[in-house]
Every structure is written in structure tokens, then in C-alpha cells.
PDB file of all heavy atoms in Angstrom:
ATOM      1  N   GLY A   1      17.660 -78.873   5.471  1.00  0.00           N
ATOM      2  CA  GLY A   1      18.872 -78.402   6.106  1.00  0.00           C
ATOM      3  C   GLY A   1      19.322 -77.057   5.589  1.00  0.00           C
ATOM      4  O   GLY A   1      20.443 -76.606   5.914  1.00  0.00           O
ATOM      5  N   LYS A   2      18.523 -76.394   4.736  1.00  0.00           N
ATOM      6  CA  LYS A   2      18.995 -75.126   4.203  1.00  0.00           C
ATOM      7  C   LYS A   2      17.949 -74.072   4.455  1.00  0.00           C
ATOM      8  O   LYS A   2      16.742 -74.346   4.833  1.00  0.00           O
ATOM      9  CB  LYS A   2      19.068 -75.283   2.650  1.00  0.00           C
ATOM     10  CG  LYS A   2      20.200 -76.173   2.164  1.00  0.00           C
ATOM     11  CD  LYS A   2      20.373 -76.155   0.633  1.00  0.00           C
ATOM     12  CE  LYS A   2      21.556 -77.021   0.253  1.00  0.00           C
ATOM     13  NZ  LYS A   2      21.764 -76.947  -1.258  1.00  0.00           N
ATOM     14  N   GLN A   3      18.351 -72.826   4.322  1.00  0.00           N
ATOM     15  CA  GLN A   3      17.450 -71.737   4.533  1.00  0.00           C
ATOM     16  C   GLN A   3      16.499 -71.545   3.398  1.00  0.00           C
ATOM     17  O   GLN A   3      16.811 -71.917   2.220  1.00  0.00           O
ATOM     18  CB  GLN A   3      18.257 -70.385   4.830  1.00  0.00           C
ATOM     19  CG  GLN A   3      19.043 -70.381   6.035  1.00  0.00           C
ATOM     20  CD  GLN A   3      19.603 -69.025   6.397  1.00  0.00           C
ATOM     21  OE1 GLN A   3      19.826 -68.219   5.431  1.00  0.00           O
ATOM     22  NE2 GLN A   3      19.775 -68.672   7.639  1.00  0.00           N
ATOM     23  N   ARG A   4      15.374 -70.979   3.708  1.00  0.00           N
ATOM     24  CA  ARG A   4      14.338 -70.652   2.692  1.00  0.00           C
ATOM     25  C   ARG A   4      14.973 -69.638   1.708  1.00  0.00           C
ATOM     26  O   ARG A   4      15.605 -68.681   2.083  1.00  0.00           O
ATOM     27  CB  ARG A   4      13.118 -70.170   3.205  1.00  0.00           C
ATOM     28  CG  ARG A   4      11.956 -70.024   2.352  1.00  0.00           C
ATOM     29  CD  ARG A   4      10.734 -69.623   3.083  1.00  0.00           C
ATOM     30  NE  ARG A   4      10.176 -70.847   3.734  1.00  0.00           N
ATOM     31  CZ  ARG A   4       9.491 -70.729   4.941  1.00  0.00           C
ATOM     32  NH1 ARG A   4       9.275 -69.579   5.520  1.00  0.00           N
ATOM     33  NH2 ARG A   4       9.050 -71.866   5.523  1.00  0.00           N
ATOM     34  N   GLU A   5      14.771 -69.834   0.388  1.00  0.00           N
ATOM     35  CA  GLU A   5      15.277 -68.858  -0.567  1.00  0.00           C
ATOM     36  C   GLU A   5      14.260 -68.484  -1.574  1.00  0.00           C
ATOM     37  O   GLU A   5      13.363 -69.264  -1.842  1.00  0.00           O
ATOM     38  CB  GLU A   5      16.556 -69.534  -1.393  1.00  0.00           C
ATOM     39  CG  GLU A   5      16.148 -70.739  -2.242  1.00  0.00           C
ATOM     40  CD  GLU A   5      17.218 -71.130  -3.101  1.00  0.00           C
ATOM     41  OE1 GLU A   5      18.141 -70.336  -3.473  1.00  0.00           O
ATOM     42  OE2 GLU A   5      17.225 -72.394  -3.546  1.00  0.00           O
ATOM     43  N   LEU A   6      14.408 -67.267  -2.022  1.00  0.00           N
ATOM     44  CA  LEU A   6      13.492 -66.713  -3.032  1.00  0.00           C
ATOM     45  C   LEU A   6      13.885 -67.126  -4.466  1.00  0.00           C
ATOM     46  O   LEU A   6      15.112 -66.898  -4.789  1.00  0.00           O
ATOM     47  CB  LEU A   6      13.435 -65.223  -2.828  1.00  0.00           C
ATOM     48  CG  LEU A   6      12.573 -64.397  -3.821  1.00  0.00           C
ATOM     49  CD1 LEU A   6      10.995 -64.781  -3.567  1.00  0.00           C
ATOM     50  CD2 LEU A   6      12.709 -62.926  -3.582  1.00  0.00           C
ATOM     51  N   VAL A   7      13.114 -67.742  -5.214  1.00  0.00           N
ATOM     52  CA  VAL A   7      13.484 -68.191  -6.524  1.00  0.00           C
ATOM     53  C   VAL A   7      12.850 -67.361  -7.717  1.00  0.00           C
ATOM     54  O   VAL A   7      13.426 -67.314  -8.815  1.00  0.00           O
ATOM     55  CB  VAL A   7      13.201 -69.621  -6.725  1.00  0.00           C
ATOM     56  CG1 VAL A   7      13.985 -70.489  -5.730  1.00  0.00           C
ATOM     57  CG2 VAL A   7      11.659 -69.965  -6.643  1.00  0.00           C
ATOM     58  N   ALA A   8      11.721 -66.776  -7.483  1.00  0.00           N
ATOM     59  CA  ALA A   8      11.089 -66.014  -8.537  1.00  0.00           C
ATOM     60  C   ALA A   8      10.143 -64.998  -7.917  1.00  0.00           C
ATOM     61  O   ALA A   8       9.469 -65.238  -6.902  1.00  0.00           O
ATOM     62  CB  ALA A   8      10.331 -66.941  -9.510  1.00  0.00           C
ATOM     63  N   THR A   9      10.056 -63.808  -8.669  1.00  0.00           N
ATOM     64  CA  THR A   9       9.062 -62.839  -8.156  1.00  0.00           C
ATOM     65  C   THR A   9       8.328 -62.197  -9.403  1.00  0.00           C
ATOM     66  O   THR A   9       8.791 -62.250 -10.522  1.00  0.00           O
ATOM     67  CB  THR A   9       9.786 -61.679  -7.450  1.00  0.00           C
ATOM     68  OG1 THR A   9      10.677 -60.962  -8.358  1.00  0.00           O
ATOM     69  CG2 THR A   9      10.507 -62.119  -6.223  1.00  0.00           C
ATOM     70  N   MET A  10       7.175 -61.606  -9.099  1.00  0.00           N
ATOM     71  CA  MET A  10       6.350 -60.991 -10.068  1.00  0.00           C
ATOM     72  C   MET A  10       5.814 -59.791  -9.393  1.00  0.00           C
ATOM     73  O   MET A  10       5.131 -59.867  -8.401  1.00  0.00           O
ATOM     74  CB  MET A  10       5.258 -61.914 -10.684  1.00  0.00           C
ATOM     75  CG  MET A  10       4.393 -61.135 -11.670  1.00  0.00           C
ATOM     76  SD  MET A  10       3.207 -62.193 -12.450  1.00  0.00           S
ATOM     77  CE  MET A  10       4.136 -62.735 -13.896  1.00  0.00           C
ATOM     78  N   SER A  11       5.957 -58.584  -9.978  1.00  0.00           N
ATOM     79  CA  SER A  11       5.363 -57.438  -9.553  1.00  0.00           C
ATOM     80  C   SER A  11       3.933 -57.262  -9.906  1.00  0.00           C
ATOM     81  O   SER A  11       3.449 -57.983 -10.736  1.00  0.00           O
ATOM     82  CB  SER A  11       6.202 -56.196 -10.012  1.00  0.00           C
ATOM     83  OG  SER A  11       5.906 -55.968 -11.323  1.00  0.00           O
ATOM     84  N   GLY A  12       3.240 -56.256  -9.236  1.00  0.00           N
ATOM     85  CA  GLY A  12       1.843 -56.036  -9.673  1.00  0.00           C
ATOM     86  C   GLY A  12       1.748 -55.724 -11.167  1.00  0.00           C
ATOM     87  O   GLY A  12       0.734 -56.099 -11.814  1.00  0.00           O
ATOM     88  N   GLY A  13       2.718 -55.082 -11.718  1.00  0.00           N
ATOM     89  CA  GLY A  13       2.693 -54.731 -13.090  1.00  0.00           C
ATOM     90  C   GLY A  13       3.121 -55.808 -14.019  1.00  0.00           C
ATOM     91  O   GLY A  13       3.113 -55.705 -15.234  1.00  0.00           O
ATOM     92  N   GLY A  14       3.574 -56.958 -13.452  1.00  0.00           N
ATOM     93  CA  GLY A  14       3.985 -58.074 -14.293  1.00  0.00           C
ATOM     94  C   GLY A  14       5.426 -58.295 -14.524  1.00  0.00           C
ATOM     95  O   GLY A  14       5.875 -59.225 -15.239  1.00  0.00           O
ATOM     96  N   THR A  15       6.267 -57.506 -13.894  1.00  0.00           N
ATOM     97  CA  THR A  15       7.703 -57.596 -14.095  1.00  0.00           C
ATOM     98  C   THR A  15       8.209 -58.887 -13.289  1.00  0.00           C
ATOM     99  O   THR A  15       7.823 -59.010 -12.113  1.00  0.00           O
ATOM    100  CB  THR A  15       8.450 -56.406 -13.542  1.00  0.00           C
ATOM    101  OG1 THR A  15       7.985 -55.218 -14.297  1.00  0.00           O
ATOM    102  CG2 THR A  15      10.005 -56.505 -13.745  1.00  0.00           C
ATOM    103  N   THR A  16       8.997 -59.713 -13.911  1.00  0.00           N
ATOM    104  CA  THR A  16       9.509 -60.876 -13.289  1.00  0.00           C
ATOM    105  C   THR A  16      11.027 -60.836 -13.060  1.00  0.00           C
ATOM    106  O   THR A  16      11.739 -60.191 -13.797  1.00  0.00           O
ATOM    107  CB  THR A  16       9.137 -62.111 -14.141  1.00  0.00           C
ATOM    108  OG1 THR A  16       9.757 -61.981 -15.453  1.00  0.00           O
ATOM    109  CG2 THR A  16       7.631 -62.268 -14.312  1.00  0.00           C
ATOM    110  N   ASN A  17      11.411 -61.628 -12.080  1.00  0.00           N
ATOM    111  CA  ASN A  17      12.784 -61.776 -11.752  1.00  0.00           C
ATOM    112  C   ASN A  17      13.023 -63.199 -11.229  1.00  0.00           C
ATOM    113  O   ASN A  17      12.164 -63.806 -10.606  1.00  0.00           O
ATOM    114  CB  ASN A  17      13.298 -60.763 -10.714  1.00  0.00           C
ATOM    115  CG  ASN A  17      13.564 -59.367 -11.328  1.00  0.00           C
ATOM    116  OD1 ASN A  17      14.513 -59.153 -11.993  1.00  0.00           O
ATOM    117  ND2 ASN A  17      12.675 -58.466 -11.012  1.00  0.00           N
ATOM    118  N   TYR A  18      14.231 -63.646 -11.475  1.00  0.00           N
ATOM    119  CA  TYR A  18      14.516 -65.055 -11.083  1.00  0.00           C
ATOM    120  C   TYR A  18      15.906 -65.173 -10.513  1.00  0.00           C
ATOM    121  O   TYR A  18      16.862 -64.422 -10.837  1.00  0.00           O
ATOM    122  CB  TYR A  18      14.473 -65.981 -12.339  1.00  0.00           C
ATOM    123  CG  TYR A  18      13.145 -65.938 -13.066  1.00  0.00           C
ATOM    124  CD1 TYR A  18      12.873 -65.079 -14.091  1.00  0.00           C
ATOM    125  CD2 TYR A  18      12.166 -66.908 -12.643  1.00  0.00           C
ATOM    126  CE1 TYR A  18      11.631 -65.070 -14.697  1.00  0.00           C
ATOM    127  CE2 TYR A  18      10.935 -66.899 -13.282  1.00  0.00           C
ATOM    128  CZ  TYR A  18      10.689 -65.981 -14.287  1.00  0.00           C
ATOM    129  OH  TYR A  18       9.431 -66.010 -14.913  1.00  0.00           O
ATOM    130  N   ALA A  19      16.000 -66.140  -9.546  1.00  0.00           N
ATOM    131  CA  ALA A  19      17.292 -66.439  -9.007  1.00  0.00           C
ATOM    132  C   ALA A  19      18.151 -67.101 -10.168  1.00  0.00           C
ATOM    133  O   ALA A  19      17.602 -67.728 -11.060  1.00  0.00           O
ATOM    134  CB  ALA A  19      17.190 -67.401  -7.842  1.00  0.00           C
ATOM    135  N   ASP A  20      19.423 -66.858 -10.120  1.00  0.00           N
ATOM    136  CA  ASP A  20      20.319 -67.432 -11.153  1.00  0.00           C
ATOM    137  C   ASP A  20      20.150 -68.937 -11.279  1.00  0.00           C
ATOM    138  O   ASP A  20      20.284 -69.463 -12.365  1.00  0.00           O
ATOM    139  CB  ASP A  20      21.770 -67.112 -10.827  1.00  0.00           C
ATOM    140  CG  ASP A  20      22.052 -65.586 -11.068  1.00  0.00           C
ATOM    141  OD1 ASP A  20      21.263 -64.934 -11.747  1.00  0.00           O
ATOM    142  OD2 ASP A  20      23.083 -65.180 -10.532  1.00  0.00           O
ATOM    143  N   SER A  21      19.882 -69.650 -10.197  1.00  0.00           N
ATOM    144  CA  SER A  21      19.777 -71.055 -10.161  1.00  0.00           C
ATOM    145  C   SER A  21      18.653 -71.631 -10.944  1.00  0.00           C
ATOM    146  O   SER A  21      18.657 -72.797 -11.357  1.00  0.00           O
ATOM    147  CB  SER A  21      19.765 -71.586  -8.760  1.00  0.00           C
ATOM    148  OG  SER A  21      18.663 -71.061  -8.017  1.00  0.00           O
ATOM    149  N   VAL A  22      17.644 -70.822 -11.216  1.00  0.00           N
ATOM    150  CA  VAL A  22      16.457 -71.269 -11.961  1.00  0.00           C
ATOM    151  C   VAL A  22      16.166 -70.438 -13.226  1.00  0.00           C
ATOM    152  O   VAL A  22      15.245 -70.835 -14.003  1.00  0.00           O
ATOM    153  CB  VAL A  22      15.204 -71.151 -10.990  1.00  0.00           C
ATOM    154  CG1 VAL A  22      15.442 -71.948  -9.733  1.00  0.00           C
ATOM    155  CG2 VAL A  22      14.776 -69.740 -10.742  1.00  0.00           C
ATOM    156  N   LYS A  23      17.000 -69.493 -13.433  1.00  0.00           N
ATOM    157  CA  LYS A  23      16.742 -68.662 -14.643  1.00  0.00           C
ATOM    158  C   LYS A  23      16.795 -69.457 -15.987  1.00  0.00           C
ATOM    159  O   LYS A  23      17.695 -70.302 -16.108  1.00  0.00           O
ATOM    160  CB  LYS A  23      17.786 -67.535 -14.665  1.00  0.00           C
ATOM    161  CG  LYS A  23      17.415 -66.368 -15.563  1.00  0.00           C
ATOM    162  CD  LYS A  23      18.394 -65.145 -15.373  1.00  0.00           C
ATOM    163  CE  LYS A  23      18.367 -64.603 -13.964  1.00  0.00           C
ATOM    164  NZ  LYS A  23      19.202 -63.442 -13.778  1.00  0.00           N
ATOM    165  N   GLY A  24      15.812 -69.268 -16.788  1.00  0.00           N
ATOM    166  CA  GLY A  24      15.769 -70.073 -18.012  1.00  0.00           C
ATOM    167  C   GLY A  24      15.091 -71.398 -17.879  1.00  0.00           C
ATOM    168  O   GLY A  24      14.726 -72.028 -18.949  1.00  0.00           O
ATOM    169  N   ARG A  25      14.805 -71.761 -16.688  1.00  0.00           N
ATOM    170  CA  ARG A  25      14.099 -73.093 -16.450  1.00  0.00           C
ATOM    171  C   ARG A  25      12.730 -72.888 -15.846  1.00  0.00           C
ATOM    172  O   ARG A  25      11.769 -73.673 -16.083  1.00  0.00           O
ATOM    173  CB  ARG A  25      14.936 -74.004 -15.556  1.00  0.00           C
ATOM    174  CG  ARG A  25      16.311 -74.340 -16.109  1.00  0.00           C
ATOM    175  CD  ARG A  25      16.999 -75.404 -15.287  1.00  0.00           C
ATOM    176  NE  ARG A  25      17.294 -74.962 -13.924  1.00  0.00           N
ATOM    177  CZ  ARG A  25      16.778 -75.619 -12.860  1.00  0.00           C
ATOM    178  NH1 ARG A  25      15.993 -76.637 -12.986  1.00  0.00           N
ATOM    179  NH2 ARG A  25      17.051 -75.113 -11.584  1.00  0.00           N
ATOM    180  N   PHE A  26      12.561 -71.863 -14.971  1.00  0.00           N
ATOM    181  CA  PHE A  26      11.339 -71.625 -14.242  1.00  0.00           C
ATOM    182  C   PHE A  26      10.635 -70.369 -14.816  1.00  0.00           C
ATOM    183  O   PHE A  26      11.353 -69.423 -15.219  1.00  0.00           O
ATOM    184  CB  PHE A  26      11.534 -71.451 -12.738  1.00  0.00           C
ATOM    185  CG  PHE A  26      12.014 -72.575 -11.971  1.00  0.00           C
ATOM    186  CD1 PHE A  26      12.398 -73.832 -12.641  1.00  0.00           C
ATOM    187  CD2 PHE A  26      12.002 -72.571 -10.591  1.00  0.00           C
ATOM    188  CE1 PHE A  26      12.752 -74.910 -11.926  1.00  0.00           C
ATOM    189  CE2 PHE A  26      12.405 -73.677  -9.839  1.00  0.00           C
ATOM    190  CZ  PHE A  26      12.813 -74.843 -10.506  1.00  0.00           C
ATOM    191  N   THR A  27       9.326 -70.384 -14.792  1.00  0.00           N
ATOM    192  CA  THR A  27       8.537 -69.263 -15.257  1.00  0.00           C
ATOM    193  C   THR A  27       7.473 -68.945 -14.292  1.00  0.00           C
ATOM    194  O   THR A  27       6.614 -69.875 -13.997  1.00  0.00           O
ATOM    195  CB  THR A  27       7.952 -69.508 -16.673  1.00  0.00           C
ATOM    196  OG1 THR A  27       8.997 -69.806 -17.550  1.00  0.00           O
ATOM    197  CG2 THR A  27       7.237 -68.235 -17.155  1.00  0.00           C
ATOM    198  N   ILE A  28       7.451 -67.757 -13.775  1.00  0.00           N
ATOM    199  CA  ILE A  28       6.368 -67.324 -12.889  1.00  0.00           C
ATOM    200  C   ILE A  28       5.240 -66.657 -13.701  1.00  0.00           C
ATOM    201  O   ILE A  28       5.573 -65.829 -14.613  1.00  0.00           O
ATOM    202  CB  ILE A  28       6.871 -66.412 -11.799  1.00  0.00           C
ATOM    203  CG1 ILE A  28       5.856 -66.146 -10.711  1.00  0.00           C
ATOM    204  CG2 ILE A  28       7.471 -65.158 -12.364  1.00  0.00           C
ATOM    205  CD1 ILE A  28       6.363 -65.396  -9.478  1.00  0.00           C
ATOM    206  N   SER A  29       3.986 -66.931 -13.407  1.00  0.00           N
ATOM    207  CA  SER A  29       2.951 -66.254 -14.199  1.00  0.00           C
ATOM    208  C   SER A  29       1.771 -66.151 -13.212  1.00  0.00           C
ATOM    209  O   SER A  29       1.777 -66.714 -12.059  1.00  0.00           O
ATOM    210  CB  SER A  29       2.498 -67.090 -15.349  1.00  0.00           C
ATOM    211  OG  SER A  29       2.088 -68.350 -15.029  1.00  0.00           O
ATOM    212  N   ARG A  30       0.634 -65.593 -13.661  1.00  0.00           N
ATOM    213  CA  ARG A  30      -0.611 -65.465 -12.823  1.00  0.00           C
ATOM    214  C   ARG A  30      -1.767 -65.325 -13.607  1.00  0.00           C
ATOM    215  O   ARG A  30      -1.741 -65.017 -14.806  1.00  0.00           O
ATOM    216  CB  ARG A  30      -0.485 -64.271 -11.782  1.00  0.00           C
ATOM    217  CG  ARG A  30      -0.564 -62.940 -12.527  1.00  0.00           C
ATOM    218  CD  ARG A  30      -0.372 -61.808 -11.538  1.00  0.00           C
ATOM    219  NE  ARG A  30      -0.614 -60.530 -12.245  1.00  0.00           N
ATOM    220  CZ  ARG A  30       0.095 -59.461 -11.968  1.00  0.00           C
ATOM    221  NH1 ARG A  30       1.134 -59.460 -11.178  1.00  0.00           N
ATOM    222  NH2 ARG A  30      -0.114 -58.341 -12.676  1.00  0.00           N
ATOM    223  N   ASP A  31      -2.926 -65.693 -13.066  1.00  0.00           N
ATOM    224  CA  ASP A  31      -4.304 -65.504 -13.662  1.00  0.00           C
ATOM    225  C   ASP A  31      -5.088 -64.733 -12.663  1.00  0.00           C
ATOM    226  O   ASP A  31      -5.583 -65.290 -11.634  1.00  0.00           O
ATOM    227  CB  ASP A  31      -4.872 -66.911 -13.950  1.00  0.00           C
ATOM    228  CG  ASP A  31      -6.164 -66.779 -14.671  1.00  0.00           C
ATOM    229  OD1 ASP A  31      -6.772 -65.693 -14.600  1.00  0.00           O
ATOM    230  OD2 ASP A  31      -6.610 -67.771 -15.312  1.00  0.00           O
ATOM    231  N   ASN A  32      -5.251 -63.501 -12.929  1.00  0.00           N
ATOM    232  CA  ASN A  32      -5.940 -62.609 -11.974  1.00  0.00           C
ATOM    233  C   ASN A  32      -7.459 -62.995 -11.787  1.00  0.00           C
ATOM    234  O   ASN A  32      -8.014 -62.772 -10.763  1.00  0.00           O
ATOM    235  CB  ASN A  32      -5.871 -61.165 -12.388  1.00  0.00           C
ATOM    236  CG  ASN A  32      -4.448 -60.560 -12.243  1.00  0.00           C
ATOM    237  OD1 ASN A  32      -3.696 -60.937 -11.418  1.00  0.00           O
ATOM    238  ND2 ASN A  32      -4.083 -59.714 -13.166  1.00  0.00           N
ATOM    239  N   THR A  33      -7.929 -63.610 -12.837  1.00  0.00           N
ATOM    240  CA  THR A  33      -9.378 -63.992 -12.765  1.00  0.00           C
ATOM    241  C   THR A  33      -9.673 -65.228 -11.800  1.00  0.00           C
ATOM    242  O   THR A  33     -10.637 -65.443 -11.374  1.00  0.00           O
ATOM    243  CB  THR A  33      -9.977 -64.427 -14.151  1.00  0.00           C
ATOM    244  OG1 THR A  33      -9.302 -65.531 -14.571  1.00  0.00           O
ATOM    245  CG2 THR A  33      -9.738 -63.241 -15.131  1.00  0.00           C
ATOM    246  N   LYS A  34      -8.500 -65.882 -11.524  1.00  0.00           N
ATOM    247  CA  LYS A  34      -8.571 -67.036 -10.632  1.00  0.00           C
ATOM    248  C   LYS A  34      -7.862 -66.815  -9.306  1.00  0.00           C
ATOM    249  O   LYS A  34      -7.706 -67.714  -8.538  1.00  0.00           O
ATOM    250  CB  LYS A  34      -7.970 -68.291 -11.334  1.00  0.00           C
ATOM    251  CG  LYS A  34      -8.757 -68.692 -12.606  1.00  0.00           C
ATOM    252  CD  LYS A  34      -8.119 -69.903 -13.231  1.00  0.00           C
ATOM    253  CE  LYS A  34      -8.903 -70.396 -14.450  1.00  0.00           C
ATOM    254  NZ  LYS A  34      -8.320 -71.606 -15.116  1.00  0.00           N
ATOM    255  N   ASN A  35      -7.379 -65.602  -9.094  1.00  0.00           N
ATOM    256  CA  ASN A  35      -6.543 -65.235  -7.911  1.00  0.00           C
ATOM    257  C   ASN A  35      -5.492 -66.330  -7.715  1.00  0.00           C
ATOM    258  O   ASN A  35      -5.155 -66.772  -6.524  1.00  0.00           O
ATOM    259  CB  ASN A  35      -7.445 -65.310  -6.625  1.00  0.00           C
ATOM    260  CG  ASN A  35      -8.398 -64.141  -6.627  1.00  0.00           C
ATOM    261  OD1 ASN A  35      -8.339 -63.214  -7.434  1.00  0.00           O
ATOM    262  ND2 ASN A  35      -9.345 -64.087  -5.684  1.00  0.00           N
ATOM    263  N   THR A  36      -4.819 -66.673  -8.773  1.00  0.00           N
ATOM    264  CA  THR A  36      -3.824 -67.785  -8.763  1.00  0.00           C
ATOM    265  C   THR A  36      -2.531 -67.393  -9.501  1.00  0.00           C
ATOM    266  O   THR A  36      -2.573 -66.694 -10.493  1.00  0.00           O
ATOM    267  CB  THR A  36      -4.413 -69.057  -9.378  1.00  0.00           C
ATOM    268  OG1 THR A  36      -5.557 -69.430  -8.604  1.00  0.00           O
ATOM    269  CG2 THR A  36      -3.429 -70.181  -9.323  1.00  0.00           C
ATOM    270  N   MET A  37      -1.467 -67.787  -8.837  1.00  0.00           N
ATOM    271  CA  MET A  37      -0.126 -67.533  -9.399  1.00  0.00           C
ATOM    272  C   MET A  37       0.469 -68.914  -9.632  1.00  0.00           C
ATOM    273  O   MET A  37       0.191 -69.947  -8.945  1.00  0.00           O
ATOM    274  CB  MET A  37       0.756 -66.745  -8.369  1.00  0.00           C
ATOM    275  CG  MET A  37       2.127 -66.481  -8.787  1.00  0.00           C
ATOM    276  SD  MET A  37       3.059 -65.353  -7.620  1.00  0.00           S
ATOM    277  CE  MET A  37       3.248 -66.530  -6.214  1.00  0.00           C
ATOM    278  N   TYR A  38       1.319 -69.025 -10.636  1.00  0.00           N
ATOM    279  CA  TYR A  38       1.861 -70.269 -11.102  1.00  0.00           C
ATOM    280  C   TYR A  38       3.459 -70.274 -11.083  1.00  0.00           C
ATOM    281  O   TYR A  38       4.002 -69.131 -11.217  1.00  0.00           O
ATOM    282  CB  TYR A  38       1.422 -70.674 -12.443  1.00  0.00           C
ATOM    283  CG  TYR A  38      -0.088 -70.738 -12.581  1.00  0.00           C
ATOM    284  CD1 TYR A  38      -0.785 -69.624 -13.073  1.00  0.00           C
ATOM    285  CD2 TYR A  38      -0.835 -71.810 -12.111  1.00  0.00           C
ATOM    286  CE1 TYR A  38      -2.186 -69.730 -13.130  1.00  0.00           C
ATOM    287  CE2 TYR A  38      -2.222 -71.869 -12.245  1.00  0.00           C
ATOM    288  CZ  TYR A  38      -2.902 -70.810 -12.762  1.00  0.00           C
ATOM    289  OH  TYR A  38      -4.228 -70.808 -12.902  1.00  0.00           O
ATOM    290  N   LEU A  39       4.030 -71.383 -11.049  1.00  0.00           N
ATOM    291  CA  LEU A  39       5.416 -71.527 -11.217  1.00  0.00           C
ATOM    292  C   LEU A  39       5.555 -72.707 -12.100  1.00  0.00           C
ATOM    293  O   LEU A  39       5.426 -73.901 -11.688  1.00  0.00           O
ATOM    294  CB  LEU A  39       6.227 -71.701  -9.951  1.00  0.00           C
ATOM    295  CG  LEU A  39       7.723 -71.696 -10.074  1.00  0.00           C
ATOM    296  CD1 LEU A  39       8.267 -70.329 -10.591  1.00  0.00           C
ATOM    297  CD2 LEU A  39       8.493 -72.157  -8.829  1.00  0.00           C
ATOM    298  N   ARG A  40       5.917 -72.465 -13.389  1.00  0.00           N
ATOM    299  CA  ARG A  40       6.210 -73.539 -14.256  1.00  0.00           C
ATOM    300  C   ARG A  40       7.703 -73.914 -14.147  1.00  0.00           C
ATOM    301  O   ARG A  40       8.600 -73.045 -14.361  1.00  0.00           O
ATOM    302  CB  ARG A  40       5.920 -73.207 -15.701  1.00  0.00           C
ATOM    303  CG  ARG A  40       6.289 -74.180 -16.769  1.00  0.00           C
ATOM    304  CD  ARG A  40       5.478 -75.448 -16.692  1.00  0.00           C
ATOM    305  NE  ARG A  40       5.796 -76.411 -17.743  1.00  0.00           N
ATOM    306  CZ  ARG A  40       5.251 -77.647 -17.882  1.00  0.00           C
ATOM    307  NH1 ARG A  40       4.352 -78.072 -16.951  1.00  0.00           N
ATOM    308  NH2 ARG A  40       5.596 -78.389 -18.874  1.00  0.00           N
ATOM    309  N   MET A  41       7.994 -75.194 -13.867  1.00  0.00           N
ATOM    310  CA  MET A  41       9.374 -75.575 -13.617  1.00  0.00           C
ATOM    311  C   MET A  41       9.657 -76.635 -14.741  1.00  0.00           C
ATOM    312  O   MET A  41       9.037 -77.718 -14.736  1.00  0.00           O
ATOM    313  CB  MET A  41       9.556 -76.192 -12.277  1.00  0.00           C
ATOM    314  CG  MET A  41       9.026 -75.215 -11.175  1.00  0.00           C
ATOM    315  SD  MET A  41       9.367 -75.853  -9.469  1.00  0.00           S
ATOM    316  CE  MET A  41       8.263 -77.294  -9.525  1.00  0.00           C
TER     317      MET A  41
END
């Protein structure tokens, strides 16, 4: 029943940003060798 919202971003250089609702609880990361991005909640 809600609109899609952006909760975390990571730039190509590795800069991260988080929505206030998840800041301090969620962590975005990536492994370039595996072409995979993660969200630890």
C-alpha cells in the first residue's frame, strides 16, 4: 500500500547514503569481484 522508497545508495567511488529511517541499522556494501551488492539489515 505504499510507494517504493530509496533506502540506501552507494556511488561508484564507494560513498554511501541512507534514508533516516534506516540510518545506523542498515549497511550497503559491494564485492566487485562477484558483481554483487549487499544490504546488511
